[in-house]
Amino acid sequence: MTLEFKTFNASEFLTTEEDRKGFVKAMLDTSRKIGTDPVESLKIALADIAESRGFSKKKISEETQISRVTISKFFKPGTKPRAETLFAIAKALDVSFVPV
């Protein structure tokens, strides 16, 4: 018997605004609990939310008036985005959170 594993894709489950809001909160709470970088967790959450809403990097660029190069760098693991970029992307995706 061979086991097959499917890659988990959170965007498939983020169908409502309530789901998306809860997902951001859960990602940030988990990040705090296990001691990982909350900005990295937020970037992952925003990428999943963008996918769930059908936003490409091009569309995010158009909505935020931020270059596609900067948007691509934003979503690259390990990069440290400027706060203005993070908030602009979150706003374009209709995501709100309270920074701590």
C-alpha atoms as a PDB file:
ATOM      1  CA  MET A   1       0.000   0.000   0.000  1.00  0.00           C
ATOM      2  CA  THR A   2       1.398   3.359  -1.032  1.00  0.00           C
ATOM      3  CA  LEU A   3       0.423   6.509   0.782  1.00  0.00           C
ATOM      4  CA  GLU A   4       0.036   9.659  -1.233  1.00  0.00           C
ATOM      5  CA  PHE A   5       0.140  13.048   0.355  1.00  0.00           C
ATOM      6  CA  LYS A   6      -1.515  16.092  -1.095  1.00  0.00           C
ATOM      7  CA  THR A   7       0.068  19.466  -0.482  1.00  0.00           C
ATOM      8  CA  PHE A   8      -2.163  21.499   1.792  1.00  0.00           C
ATOM      9  CA  ASN A   9      -3.428  24.655   0.146  1.00  0.00           C
ATOM     10  CA  ALA A  10      -5.131  26.967   2.640  1.00  0.00           C
ATOM     11  CA  SER A  11      -6.570  29.141  -0.127  1.00  0.00           C
ATOM     12  CA  GLU A  12      -9.078  26.395  -0.938  1.00  0.00           C
ATOM     13  CA  PHE A  13     -10.682  26.920   2.474  1.00  0.00           C
ATOM     14  CA  LEU A  14     -10.680  30.730   2.598  1.00  0.00           C
ATOM     15  CA  THR A  15     -14.045  31.297   1.006  1.00  0.00           C
ATOM     16  CA  THR A  16     -15.474  34.045   3.212  1.00  0.00           C
ATOM     17  CA  GLU A  17     -14.186  37.240   4.774  1.00  0.00           C
ATOM     18  CA  GLU A  18     -14.684  35.634   8.174  1.00  0.00           C
ATOM     19  CA  ASP A  19     -12.479  32.693   7.103  1.00  0.00           C
ATOM     20  CA  ARG A  20      -9.778  35.082   5.890  1.00  0.00           C
ATOM     21  CA  LYS A  21      -9.849  37.190   9.045  1.00  0.00           C
ATOM     22  CA  GLY A  22      -9.664  34.096  11.241  1.00  0.00           C
ATOM     23  CA  PHE A  23      -6.799  32.727   9.149  1.00  0.00           C
ATOM     24  CA  VAL A  24      -4.698  35.865   9.600  1.00  0.00           C
ATOM     25  CA  LYS A  25      -5.344  35.806  13.339  1.00  0.00           C
ATOM     26  CA  ALA A  26      -4.485  32.100  13.570  1.00  0.00           C
ATOM     27  CA  MET A  27      -1.268  32.549  11.577  1.00  0.00           C
ATOM     28  CA  LEU A  28      -0.134  35.429  13.803  1.00  0.00           C
ATOM     29  CA  ASP A  29      -1.145  33.660  17.027  1.00  0.00           C
ATOM     30  CA  THR A  30       0.696  30.505  15.971  1.00  0.00           C
ATOM     31  CA  SER A  31       3.745  32.523  15.011  1.00  0.00           C
ATOM     32  CA  ARG A  32       3.857  34.087  18.469  1.00  0.00           C
ATOM     33  CA  LYS A  33       3.373  30.737  20.221  1.00  0.00           C
ATOM     34  CA  ILE A  34       6.116  28.891  18.359  1.00  0.00           C
ATOM     35  CA  GLY A  35       8.493  31.824  18.048  1.00  0.00           C
ATOM     36  CA  THR A  36       8.596  32.273  14.285  1.00  0.00           C
ATOM     37  CA  ASP A  37       8.770  35.565  12.418  1.00  0.00           C
ATOM     38  CA  PRO A  38       5.266  37.085  12.441  1.00  0.00           C
ATOM     39  CA  VAL A  39       6.000  39.087   9.288  1.00  0.00           C
ATOM     40  CA  GLU A  40       6.844  35.875   7.443  1.00  0.00           C
ATOM     41  CA  SER A  41       3.627  34.296   8.724  1.00  0.00           C
ATOM     42  CA  LEU A  42       1.655  37.328   7.607  1.00  0.00           C
ATOM     43  CA  LYS A  43       3.253  37.190   4.137  1.00  0.00           C
ATOM     44  CA  ILE A  44       2.222  33.528   3.830  1.00  0.00           C
ATOM     45  CA  ALA A  45      -1.310  34.360   4.969  1.00  0.00           C
ATOM     46  CA  LEU A  46      -1.570  37.236   2.472  1.00  0.00           C
ATOM     47  CA  ALA A  47      -0.325  34.995  -0.348  1.00  0.00           C
ATOM     48  CA  ASP A  48      -2.989  32.397   0.478  1.00  0.00           C
ATOM     49  CA  ILE A  49      -5.675  35.065   0.722  1.00  0.00           C
ATOM     50  CA  ALA A  50      -4.595  36.567  -2.606  1.00  0.00           C
ATOM     51  CA  GLU A  51      -4.896  33.152  -4.217  1.00  0.00           C
ATOM     52  CA  SER A  52      -8.295  32.538  -2.628  1.00  0.00           C
ATOM     53  CA  ARG A  53      -9.557  35.818  -4.072  1.00  0.00           C
ATOM     54  CA  GLY A  54      -8.043  35.231  -7.517  1.00  0.00           C
ATOM     55  CA  PHE A  55      -5.448  38.001  -7.178  1.00  0.00           C
ATOM     56  CA  SER A  56      -2.319  37.538  -9.246  1.00  0.00           C
ATOM     57  CA  LYS A  57       0.862  39.455  -8.472  1.00  0.00           C
ATOM     58  CA  LYS A  58       0.008  41.624 -11.476  1.00  0.00           C
ATOM     59  CA  LYS A  59      -3.431  42.431 -10.040  1.00  0.00           C
ATOM     60  CA  ILE A  60      -1.945  43.204  -6.610  1.00  0.00           C
ATOM     61  CA  SER A  61       0.548  45.503  -8.336  1.00  0.00           C
ATOM     62  CA  GLU A  62      -2.251  47.298 -10.166  1.00  0.00           C
ATOM     63  CA  GLU A  63      -4.397  47.631  -7.015  1.00  0.00           C
ATOM     64  CA  THR A  64      -1.533  48.944  -4.877  1.00  0.00           C
ATOM     65  CA  GLN A  65       0.391  50.946  -7.496  1.00  0.00           C
ATOM     66  CA  ILE A  66       3.505  49.061  -6.341  1.00  0.00           C
ATOM     67  CA  SER A  67       5.803  47.604  -8.986  1.00  0.00           C
ATOM     68  CA  ARG A  68       5.485  43.931  -9.879  1.00  0.00           C
ATOM     69  CA  VAL A  69       9.151  43.473  -8.965  1.00  0.00           C
ATOM     70  CA  THR A  70       8.483  44.771  -5.444  1.00  0.00           C
ATOM     71  CA  ILE A  71       5.380  42.571  -5.144  1.00  0.00           C
ATOM     72  CA  SER A  72       7.396  39.523  -6.204  1.00  0.00           C
ATOM     73  CA  LYS A  73      10.122  40.355  -3.690  1.00  0.00           C
ATOM     74  CA  PHE A  74       7.486  40.814  -0.988  1.00  0.00           C
ATOM     75  CA  PHE A  75       6.243  37.247  -1.342  1.00  0.00           C
ATOM     76  CA  LYS A  76       9.726  35.728  -1.550  1.00  0.00           C
ATOM     77  CA  PRO A  77      10.544  33.840   1.692  1.00  0.00           C
ATOM     78  CA  GLY A  78      13.033  35.540   3.961  1.00  0.00           C
ATOM     79  CA  THR A  79      12.637  39.057   2.603  1.00  0.00           C
ATOM     80  CA  LYS A  80      11.857  41.905   4.980  1.00  0.00           C
ATOM     81  CA  PRO A  81       9.240  44.142   3.364  1.00  0.00           C
ATOM     82  CA  ARG A  82       8.699  47.767   4.178  1.00  0.00           C
ATOM     83  CA  ALA A  83       5.717  48.362   6.437  1.00  0.00           C
ATOM     84  CA  GLU A  84       4.098  50.538   3.753  1.00  0.00           C
ATOM     85  CA  THR A  85       4.240  47.651   1.275  1.00  0.00           C
ATOM     86  CA  LEU A  86       2.779  45.191   3.749  1.00  0.00           C
ATOM     87  CA  PHE A  87      -0.110  47.493   4.654  1.00  0.00           C
ATOM     88  CA  ALA A  88      -0.809  48.392   1.008  1.00  0.00           C
ATOM     89  CA  ILE A  89      -1.041  44.721   0.029  1.00  0.00           C
ATOM     90  CA  ALA A  90      -3.226  43.925   3.039  1.00  0.00           C
ATOM     91  CA  LYS A  91      -5.524  46.820   2.133  1.00  0.00           C
ATOM     92  CA  ALA A  92      -5.774  45.698  -1.497  1.00  0.00           C
ATOM     93  CA  LEU A  93      -6.781  42.241  -0.278  1.00  0.00           C
ATOM     94  CA  ASP A  94      -9.251  43.748   2.225  1.00  0.00           C
ATOM     95  CA  VAL A  95      -7.332  42.298   5.165  1.00  0.00           C
ATOM     96  CA  SER A  96      -7.125  44.158   8.444  1.00  0.00           C
ATOM     97  CA  PHE A  97      -5.005  43.414  11.450  1.00  0.00           C
ATOM     98  CA  VAL A  98      -3.546  45.250  14.396  1.00  0.00           C
ATOM     99  CA  PRO A  99       0.266  45.263  14.454  1.00  0.00           C
ATOM    100  CA  VAL A 100       1.849  44.596  17.837  1.00  0.00           C
END
